[in-house]
Amino acid sequence: MLARVLPSLMVALCLLAVWEVYSRFSGVSALILPAPSSVLRALLLNRNEITGHARSTISVAVIGFALSVGFAFATSVALHVAPFAERGLMPLFVVSQTVPLVALAPLMILWFGFGHLPKILLVILVTFFPMLLSLLSGYRQTPSEFRDLLAAMGAKRWGIFFRATLPSARSAFLAGLRISATYAIVATIFAEYAGARRGLGIYILAAKNNFRADLVLAAVLVSAALTLMLLGVIWVIDRLTVRGAQMDHA
């Protein structure tokens, strides 16, 4: 594990060192480009306030993401068993992904207020499609010989689905899950930026209006950490379920 992340870690440390040196000796104003050490200092000094906003952001992102996973799975099963519905609905799902967040987020706030609901709905809308697409793609990867064998052994439609089709979609689903996880925090922050009482988005907006680039970057650092945390949870789920998946295929 360490060998896989070490090259990326070294590159990141080199970039931070270059940034630190440039910020300190180039004469650029700290209001425009604060040094990484200044960003870290601002994060430590304001950790309690930033933590409170981060809790609001992660709670909305997790709830929206969890609901999105459930909706994507239920929809994928419905479309898989009813191909005519897939042909009718998939173009609509594709079109929904063309609506820009910059237009959608303010509308959600206008329609549903400044509570958690519009942010959760936005997270669902942003993260739903990649998981749906990955699940449907995974279902199609089921070996026909496996389905035929189960059918010959007397397995019914749902038995074939749970024993062959669903396990075959595991890898594709996890890939879609990782893609959606990177969108969840971003969508939440964007919704907060459009209008919220608490959250990293509204904190970033307030810091920007006060010309505190160090606080803006500190909040961005925390948002990146939250995204990595979600990806870490997915990695743990992958490791915990990989043995069962291998046994099923065996």
C-alpha atoms as a PDB file:
ATOM      1  CA  MET A   1       0.000   0.000   0.000  1.00  0.00           C
ATOM      2  CA  LEU A   2       2.780   2.412   0.963  1.00  0.00           C
ATOM      3  CA  ALA A   3       4.674   1.642  -2.241  1.00  0.00           C
ATOM      4  CA  ARG A   4       1.613   2.628  -4.294  1.00  0.00           C
ATOM      5  CA  VAL A   5       1.075   6.015  -2.622  1.00  0.00           C
ATOM      6  CA  LEU A   6       4.726   6.939  -2.049  1.00  0.00           C
ATOM      7  CA  PRO A   7       5.400   8.325  -5.577  1.00  0.00           C
ATOM      8  CA  SER A   8       2.285  10.525  -5.442  1.00  0.00           C
ATOM      9  CA  LEU A   9       3.188  11.651  -1.938  1.00  0.00           C
ATOM     10  CA  MET A  10       6.694  12.627  -3.033  1.00  0.00           C
ATOM     11  CA  VAL A  11       5.374  14.621  -5.994  1.00  0.00           C
ATOM     12  CA  ALA A  12       2.874  16.405  -3.729  1.00  0.00           C
ATOM     13  CA  LEU A  13       5.596  17.288  -1.213  1.00  0.00           C
ATOM     14  CA  CYS A  14       7.808  18.661  -4.002  1.00  0.00           C
ATOM     15  CA  LEU A  15       4.972  20.820  -5.325  1.00  0.00           C
ATOM     16  CA  LEU A  16       4.232  22.116  -1.824  1.00  0.00           C
ATOM     17  CA  ALA A  17       7.915  22.964  -1.336  1.00  0.00           C
ATOM     18  CA  VAL A  18       7.987  24.892  -4.628  1.00  0.00           C
ATOM     19  CA  TRP A  19       4.775  26.694  -3.642  1.00  0.00           C
ATOM     20  CA  GLU A  20       6.215  27.591  -0.219  1.00  0.00           C
ATOM     21  CA  VAL A  21       9.435  28.979  -1.669  1.00  0.00           C
ATOM     22  CA  TYR A  22       7.650  30.932  -4.402  1.00  0.00           C
ATOM     23  CA  SER A  23       5.140  32.451  -1.970  1.00  0.00           C
ATOM     24  CA  ARG A  24       7.858  33.567   0.425  1.00  0.00           C
ATOM     25  CA  PHE A  25      10.469  34.930  -1.980  1.00  0.00           C
ATOM     26  CA  SER A  26       8.614  36.037  -5.123  1.00  0.00           C
ATOM     27  CA  GLY A  27       7.069  39.092  -3.520  1.00  0.00           C
ATOM     28  CA  VAL A  28       3.507  37.998  -4.286  1.00  0.00           C
ATOM     29  CA  SER A  29       0.989  39.215  -1.719  1.00  0.00           C
ATOM     30  CA  ALA A  30      -0.212  36.728   0.884  1.00  0.00           C
ATOM     31  CA  LEU A  31      -3.736  37.970   0.145  1.00  0.00           C
ATOM     32  CA  ILE A  32      -3.421  36.452  -3.320  1.00  0.00           C
ATOM     33  CA  LEU A  33      -1.242  33.397  -2.781  1.00  0.00           C
ATOM     34  CA  PRO A  34      -0.583  32.436   0.850  1.00  0.00           C
ATOM     35  CA  ALA A  35       2.164  29.918   1.522  1.00  0.00           C
ATOM     36  CA  PRO A  36       1.179  26.344   2.481  1.00  0.00           C
ATOM     37  CA  SER A  37       2.506  27.014   5.988  1.00  0.00           C
ATOM     38  CA  SER A  38       0.143  30.008   6.263  1.00  0.00           C
ATOM     39  CA  VAL A  39      -2.761  27.867   5.097  1.00  0.00           C
ATOM     40  CA  LEU A  40      -1.921  25.204   7.684  1.00  0.00           C
ATOM     41  CA  ARG A  41      -1.615  27.868  10.394  1.00  0.00           C
ATOM     42  CA  ALA A  42      -5.008  29.321   9.453  1.00  0.00           C
ATOM     43  CA  LEU A  43      -6.517  25.826   9.537  1.00  0.00           C
ATOM     44  CA  LEU A  44      -5.144  25.171  13.022  1.00  0.00           C
ATOM     45  CA  LEU A  45      -6.218  28.563  14.396  1.00  0.00           C
ATOM     46  CA  ASN A  46      -9.732  28.212  12.993  1.00  0.00           C
ATOM     47  CA  ARG A  47     -10.082  24.458  13.365  1.00  0.00           C
ATOM     48  CA  ASN A  48     -13.149  24.587  15.624  1.00  0.00           C
ATOM     49  CA  GLU A  49     -15.154  26.777  13.255  1.00  0.00           C
ATOM     50  CA  ILE A  50     -14.030  24.872  10.157  1.00  0.00           C
ATOM     51  CA  THR A  51     -14.791  21.546  11.851  1.00  0.00           C
ATOM     52  CA  GLY A  52     -18.358  22.657  12.561  1.00  0.00           C
ATOM     53  CA  HIS A  53     -18.896  23.606   8.922  1.00  0.00           C
ATOM     54  CA  ALA A  54     -17.216  20.389   7.754  1.00  0.00           C
ATOM     55  CA  ARG A  55     -19.585  18.287   9.886  1.00  0.00           C
ATOM     56  CA  SER A  56     -22.563  19.901   8.186  1.00  0.00           C
ATOM     57  CA  THR A  57     -21.056  19.265   4.758  1.00  0.00           C
ATOM     58  CA  ILE A  58     -20.131  15.629   5.367  1.00  0.00           C
ATOM     59  CA  SER A  59     -23.500  14.809   6.946  1.00  0.00           C
ATOM     60  CA  VAL A  60     -25.363  16.130   3.901  1.00  0.00           C
ATOM     61  CA  ALA A  61     -22.948  14.428   1.493  1.00  0.00           C
ATOM     62  CA  VAL A  62     -23.180  11.048   3.253  1.00  0.00           C
ATOM     63  CA  ILE A  63     -26.982  11.113   3.468  1.00  0.00           C
ATOM     64  CA  GLY A  64     -27.333  12.171  -0.169  1.00  0.00           C
ATOM     65  CA  PHE A  65     -24.740   9.645  -1.315  1.00  0.00           C
ATOM     66  CA  ALA A  66     -26.347   6.781   0.619  1.00  0.00           C
ATOM     67  CA  LEU A  67     -29.777   7.591  -0.803  1.00  0.00           C
ATOM     68  CA  SER A  68     -28.258   7.877  -4.267  1.00  0.00           C
ATOM     69  CA  VAL A  69     -26.718   4.401  -3.958  1.00  0.00           C
ATOM     70  CA  GLY A  70     -30.095   2.961  -3.001  1.00  0.00           C
ATOM     71  CA  PHE A  71     -31.941   4.746  -5.809  1.00  0.00           C
ATOM     72  CA  ALA A  72     -29.306   3.772  -8.369  1.00  0.00           C
ATOM     73  CA  PHE A  73     -29.449   0.104  -7.379  1.00  0.00           C
ATOM     74  CA  ALA A  74     -33.268  -0.033  -7.384  1.00  0.00           C
ATOM     75  CA  THR A  75     -33.437   1.770 -10.726  1.00  0.00           C
ATOM     76  CA  SER A  76     -30.773  -0.456 -12.278  1.00  0.00           C
ATOM     77  CA  VAL A  77     -32.684  -3.588 -11.273  1.00  0.00           C
ATOM     78  CA  ALA A  78     -35.931  -2.172 -12.676  1.00  0.00           C
ATOM     79  CA  LEU A  79     -34.283  -1.218 -15.961  1.00  0.00           C
ATOM     80  CA  HIS A  80     -32.479  -4.558 -16.185  1.00  0.00           C
ATOM     81  CA  VAL A  81     -35.688  -6.577 -15.907  1.00  0.00           C
ATOM     82  CA  ALA A  82     -37.590  -4.176 -18.189  1.00  0.00           C
ATOM     83  CA  PRO A  83     -35.364  -3.347 -21.191  1.00  0.00           C
ATOM     84  CA  PHE A  84     -38.119  -1.296 -22.808  1.00  0.00           C
ATOM     85  CA  ALA A  85     -38.058   1.023 -19.776  1.00  0.00           C
ATOM     86  CA  GLU A  86     -34.278   1.385 -20.146  1.00  0.00           C
ATOM     87  CA  ARG A  87     -34.686   2.419 -23.781  1.00  0.00           C
ATOM     88  CA  GLY A  88     -37.267   5.006 -22.783  1.00  0.00           C
ATOM     89  CA  LEU A  89     -35.652   6.418 -19.643  1.00  0.00           C
ATOM     90  CA  MET A  90     -31.919   6.345 -20.330  1.00  0.00           C
ATOM     91  CA  PRO A  91     -32.049   9.295 -22.779  1.00  0.00           C
ATOM     92  CA  LEU A  92     -33.786  11.316 -20.055  1.00  0.00           C
ATOM     93  CA  PHE A  93     -31.103  10.364 -17.525  1.00  0.00           C
ATOM     94  CA  VAL A  94     -28.415  11.405 -20.004  1.00  0.00           C
ATOM     95  CA  VAL A  95     -30.105  14.758 -20.624  1.00  0.00           C
ATOM     96  CA  SER A  96     -30.316  15.346 -16.859  1.00  0.00           C
ATOM     97  CA  GLN A  97     -26.515  15.250 -16.718  1.00  0.00           C
ATOM     98  CA  THR A  98     -26.249  18.150 -19.178  1.00  0.00           C
ATOM     99  CA  VAL A  99     -27.883  20.618 -16.767  1.00  0.00           C
ATOM    100  CA  PRO A 100     -25.052  22.721 -15.236  1.00  0.00           C
ATOM    101  CA  LEU A 101     -24.725  22.874 -11.453  1.00  0.00           C
ATOM    102  CA  VAL A 102     -24.423  26.655 -11.636  1.00  0.00           C
ATOM    103  CA  ALA A 103     -28.052  26.758 -12.809  1.00  0.00           C
ATOM    104  CA  LEU A 104     -29.399  23.824 -10.816  1.00  0.00           C
ATOM    105  CA  ALA A 105     -28.099  24.688  -7.341  1.00  0.00           C
ATOM    106  CA  PRO A 106     -29.800  28.119  -7.054  1.00  0.00           C
ATOM    107  CA  LEU A 107     -33.056  26.610  -8.303  1.00  0.00           C
ATOM    108  CA  MET A 108     -32.894  23.904  -5.627  1.00  0.00           C
ATOM    109  CA  ILE A 109     -32.390  26.568  -2.963  1.00  0.00           C
ATOM    110  CA  LEU A 110     -35.258  28.636  -4.410  1.00  0.00           C
ATOM    111  CA  TRP A 111     -37.653  25.681  -4.475  1.00  0.00           C
ATOM    112  CA  PHE A 112     -36.765  23.943  -1.203  1.00  0.00           C
ATOM    113  CA  GLY A 113     -35.208  26.633   1.009  1.00  0.00           C
ATOM    114  CA  PHE A 114     -31.917  26.744   2.901  1.00  0.00           C
ATOM    115  CA  GLY A 115     -32.195  23.455   4.807  1.00  0.00           C
ATOM    116  CA  HIS A 116     -30.579  20.108   4.078  1.00  0.00           C
ATOM    117  CA  LEU A 117     -33.189  18.916   1.559  1.00  0.00           C
ATOM    118  CA  PRO A 118     -32.021  20.889  -1.533  1.00  0.00           C
ATOM    119  CA  LYS A 119     -28.405  19.917  -0.904  1.00  0.00           C
ATOM    120  CA  ILE A 120     -29.284  16.234  -0.486  1.00  0.00           C
ATOM    121  CA  LEU A 121     -31.329  16.324  -3.690  1.00  0.00           C
ATOM    122  CA  LEU A 122     -28.450  17.924  -5.558  1.00  0.00           C
ATOM    123  CA  VAL A 123     -26.019  15.272  -4.323  1.00  0.00           C
ATOM    124  CA  ILE A 124     -28.437  12.569  -5.478  1.00  0.00           C
ATOM    125  CA  LEU A 125     -28.831  14.156  -8.909  1.00  0.00           C
ATOM    126  CA  VAL A 126     -25.072  14.477  -9.398  1.00  0.00           C
ATOM    127  CA  THR A 127     -24.016  11.060  -8.094  1.00  0.00           C
ATOM    128  CA  PHE A 128     -26.944   8.913  -9.275  1.00  0.00           C
ATOM    129  CA  PHE A 129     -26.112   8.571 -12.974  1.00  0.00           C
ATOM    130  CA  PRO A 130     -22.503   7.250 -12.769  1.00  0.00           C
ATOM    131  CA  MET A 131     -23.590   4.467 -10.424  1.00  0.00           C
ATOM    132  CA  LEU A 132     -26.634   3.604 -12.523  1.00  0.00           C
ATOM    133  CA  LEU A 133     -24.542   3.436 -15.669  1.00  0.00           C
ATOM    134  CA  SER A 134     -21.842   1.317 -14.023  1.00  0.00           C
ATOM    135  CA  LEU A 135     -24.407  -1.143 -12.654  1.00  0.00           C
ATOM    136  CA  LEU A 136     -26.148  -1.587 -16.000  1.00  0.00           C
ATOM    137  CA  SER A 137     -22.782  -2.022 -17.696  1.00  0.00           C
ATOM    138  CA  GLY A 138     -21.785  -4.589 -15.078  1.00  0.00           C
ATOM    139  CA  TYR A 139     -24.980  -6.571 -15.563  1.00  0.00           C
ATOM    140  CA  ARG A 140     -24.150  -6.925 -19.256  1.00  0.00           C
ATOM    141  CA  GLN A 141     -20.738  -8.404 -18.397  1.00  0.00           C
ATOM    142  CA  THR A 142     -22.288 -11.567 -16.949  1.00  0.00           C
ATOM    143  CA  PRO A 143     -20.967 -14.590 -18.902  1.00  0.00           C
ATOM    144  CA  SER A 144     -23.820 -16.130 -20.866  1.00  0.00           C
ATOM    145  CA  GLU A 145     -22.449 -19.603 -20.089  1.00  0.00           C
ATOM    146  CA  PHE A 146     -22.890 -18.939 -16.368  1.00  0.00           C
ATOM    147  CA  ARG A 147     -26.508 -17.851 -16.865  1.00  0.00           C
ATOM    148  CA  ASP A 148     -27.217 -20.856 -19.070  1.00  0.00           C
ATOM    149  CA  LEU A 149     -25.689 -23.222 -16.523  1.00  0.00           C
ATOM    150  CA  LEU A 150     -27.787 -21.851 -13.675  1.00  0.00           C
ATOM    151  CA  ALA A 151     -30.910 -22.005 -15.847  1.00  0.00           C
ATOM    152  CA  ALA A 152     -30.147 -25.614 -16.708  1.00  0.00           C
ATOM    153  CA  MET A 153     -29.832 -26.367 -12.991  1.00  0.00           C
ATOM    154  CA  GLY A 154     -33.324 -24.995 -12.435  1.00  0.00           C
ATOM    155  CA  ALA A 155     -32.514 -21.497 -11.214  1.00  0.00           C
ATOM    156  CA  LYS A 156     -35.280 -18.955 -11.738  1.00  0.00           C
ATOM    157  CA  ARG A 157     -34.895 -15.412 -13.039  1.00  0.00           C
ATOM    158  CA  TRP A 158     -34.125 -13.815  -9.679  1.00  0.00           C
ATOM    159  CA  GLY A 159     -31.871 -16.656  -8.683  1.00  0.00           C
ATOM    160  CA  ILE A 160     -29.805 -16.093 -11.806  1.00  0.00           C
ATOM    161  CA  PHE A 161     -29.743 -12.357 -11.082  1.00  0.00           C
ATOM    162  CA  PHE A 162     -28.475 -12.679  -7.498  1.00  0.00           C
ATOM    163  CA  ARG A 163     -26.069 -15.547  -8.164  1.00  0.00           C
ATOM    164  CA  ALA A 164     -24.604 -14.472 -11.502  1.00  0.00           C
ATOM    165  CA  THR A 165     -25.660 -11.057 -12.767  1.00  0.00           C
ATOM    166  CA  LEU A 166     -25.233  -9.039  -9.571  1.00  0.00           C
ATOM    167  CA  PRO A 167     -21.799 -10.483  -8.604  1.00  0.00           C
ATOM    168  CA  SER A 168     -20.574  -9.828 -12.149  1.00  0.00           C
ATOM    169  CA  ALA A 169     -21.399  -6.127 -11.719  1.00  0.00           C
ATOM    170  CA  ARG A 170     -19.334  -5.753  -8.538  1.00  0.00           C
ATOM    171  CA  SER A 171     -16.187  -4.295 -10.105  1.00  0.00           C
ATOM    172  CA  ALA A 172     -18.091  -1.936 -12.389  1.00  0.00           C
ATOM    173  CA  PHE A 173     -20.269  -0.790  -9.489  1.00  0.00           C
ATOM    174  CA  LEU A 174     -17.271  -0.043  -7.278  1.00  0.00           C
ATOM    175  CA  ALA A 175     -15.749   2.007 -10.095  1.00  0.00           C
ATOM    176  CA  GLY A 176     -18.962   4.006 -10.402  1.00  0.00           C
ATOM    177  CA  LEU A 177     -19.062   4.346  -6.625  1.00  0.00           C
ATOM    178  CA  ARG A 178     -15.583   5.886  -6.577  1.00  0.00           C
ATOM    179  CA  ILE A 179     -16.477   8.337  -9.348  1.00  0.00           C
ATOM    180  CA  SER A 180     -19.686   9.373  -7.582  1.00  0.00           C
ATOM    181  CA  ALA A 181     -17.889   9.757  -4.242  1.00  0.00           C
ATOM    182  CA  THR A 182     -15.610  12.408  -5.748  1.00  0.00           C
ATOM    183  CA  TYR A 183     -18.710  14.315  -6.887  1.00  0.00           C
ATOM    184  CA  ALA A 184     -20.625  14.073  -3.595  1.00  0.00           C
ATOM    185  CA  ILE A 185     -18.567  16.562  -1.582  1.00  0.00           C
ATOM    186  CA  VAL A 186     -18.209  18.934  -4.551  1.00  0.00           C
ATOM    187  CA  ALA A 187     -21.972  18.948  -5.158  1.00  0.00           C
ATOM    188  CA  THR A 188     -22.664  19.608  -1.473  1.00  0.00           C
ATOM    189  CA  ILE A 189     -20.210  22.498  -1.315  1.00  0.00           C
ATOM    190  CA  PHE A 190     -21.606  23.979  -4.518  1.00  0.00           C
ATOM    191  CA  ALA A 191     -25.136  23.838  -3.099  1.00  0.00           C
ATOM    192  CA  GLU A 192     -23.917  25.496   0.104  1.00  0.00           C
ATOM    193  CA  TYR A 193     -22.140  28.119  -1.942  1.00  0.00           C
ATOM    194  CA  ALA A 194     -25.447  28.923  -3.653  1.00  0.00           C
ATOM    195  CA  GLY A 195     -27.208  29.319  -0.326  1.00  0.00           C
ATOM    196  CA  ALA A 196     -26.835  27.792   3.139  1.00  0.00           C
ATOM    197  CA  ARG A 197     -26.596  28.573   6.827  1.00  0.00           C
ATOM    198  CA  ARG A 198     -23.684  26.230   7.550  1.00  0.00           C
ATOM    199  CA  GLY A 199     -21.207  24.191   5.556  1.00  0.00           C
ATOM    200  CA  LEU A 200     -17.835  24.519   3.864  1.00  0.00           C
ATOM    201  CA  GLY A 201     -19.437  26.198   0.851  1.00  0.00           C
ATOM    202  CA  ILE A 202     -20.815  29.120   2.825  1.00  0.00           C
ATOM    203  CA  TYR A 203     -17.568  29.275   4.827  1.00  0.00           C
ATOM    204  CA  ILE A 204     -15.537  29.536   1.614  1.00  0.00           C
ATOM    205  CA  LEU A 205     -17.863  32.275   0.364  1.00  0.00           C
ATOM    206  CA  ALA A 206     -17.496  34.267   3.601  1.00  0.00           C
ATOM    207  CA  ALA A 207     -13.701  33.845   3.596  1.00  0.00           C
ATOM    208  CA  LYS A 208     -13.516  34.964  -0.035  1.00  0.00           C
ATOM    209  CA  ASN A 209     -15.586  38.075   0.706  1.00  0.00           C
ATOM    210  CA  ASN A 210     -13.174  38.893   3.555  1.00  0.00           C
ATOM    211  CA  PHE A 211     -10.139  38.449   1.262  1.00  0.00           C
ATOM    212  CA  ARG A 212      -8.874  35.533   3.354  1.00  0.00           C
ATOM    213  CA  ALA A 213      -7.305  33.304   0.736  1.00  0.00           C
ATOM    214  CA  ASP A 214      -5.638  31.284   3.492  1.00  0.00           C
ATOM    215  CA  LEU A 215      -9.031  30.344   4.968  1.00  0.00           C
ATOM    216  CA  VAL A 216     -10.422  29.558   1.516  1.00  0.00           C
ATOM    217  CA  LEU A 217      -7.534  27.168   0.857  1.00  0.00           C
ATOM    218  CA  ALA A 218      -7.857  25.693   4.362  1.00  0.00           C
ATOM    219  CA  ALA A 219     -11.508  24.867   3.656  1.00  0.00           C
ATOM    220  CA  VAL A 220     -10.539  23.425   0.266  1.00  0.00           C
ATOM    221  CA  LEU A 221      -7.967  21.239   2.024  1.00  0.00           C
ATOM    222  CA  VAL A 222     -10.633  19.961   4.411  1.00  0.00           C
ATOM    223  CA  SER A 223     -13.028  19.247   1.533  1.00  0.00           C
ATOM    224  CA  ALA A 224     -10.307  17.226  -0.192  1.00  0.00           C
ATOM    225  CA  ALA A 225      -9.755  15.304   3.041  1.00  0.00           C
ATOM    226  CA  LEU A 226     -13.478  14.546   3.267  1.00  0.00           C
ATOM    227  CA  THR A 227     -13.471  13.212  -0.303  1.00  0.00           C
ATOM    228  CA  LEU A 228     -10.457  11.017   0.467  1.00  0.00           C
ATOM    229  CA  MET A 229     -12.278   9.768   3.554  1.00  0.00           C
ATOM    230  CA  LEU A 230     -15.259   8.671   1.440  1.00  0.00           C
ATOM    231  CA  LEU A 231     -12.913   6.967  -1.015  1.00  0.00           C
ATOM    232  CA  GLY A 232     -11.199   5.261   1.913  1.00  0.00           C
ATOM    233  CA  VAL A 233     -14.521   3.863   3.132  1.00  0.00           C
ATOM    234  CA  ILE A 234     -15.210   2.505  -0.360  1.00  0.00           C
ATOM    235  CA  TRP A 235     -11.733   0.938  -0.425  1.00  0.00           C
ATOM    236  CA  VAL A 236     -12.455  -0.781   2.904  1.00  0.00           C
ATOM    237  CA  ILE A 237     -15.777  -2.072   1.557  1.00  0.00           C
ATOM    238  CA  ASP A 238     -13.936  -3.360  -1.511  1.00  0.00           C
ATOM    239  CA  ARG A 239     -11.393  -5.219   0.629  1.00  0.00           C
ATOM    240  CA  LEU A 240     -14.061  -6.674   2.922  1.00  0.00           C
ATOM    241  CA  THR A 241     -16.201  -7.963   0.059  1.00  0.00           C
ATOM    242  CA  VAL A 242     -13.530  -9.137  -2.364  1.00  0.00           C
ATOM    243  CA  ARG A 243     -13.118 -12.537  -0.699  1.00  0.00           C
ATOM    244  CA  GLY A 244     -16.844 -13.242  -0.823  1.00  0.00           C
ATOM    245  CA  ALA A 245     -16.927 -12.230  -4.482  1.00  0.00           C
ATOM    246  CA  GLN A 246     -14.027 -14.553  -5.264  1.00  0.00           C
ATOM    247  CA  MET A 247     -15.786 -17.433  -3.500  1.00  0.00           C
ATOM    248  CA  ASP A 248     -18.977 -16.754  -5.476  1.00  0.00           C
ATOM    249  CA  HIS A 249     -17.065 -16.869  -8.768  1.00  0.00           C
ATOM    250  CA  ALA A 250     -15.276 -20.017  -7.659  1.00  0.00           C
END
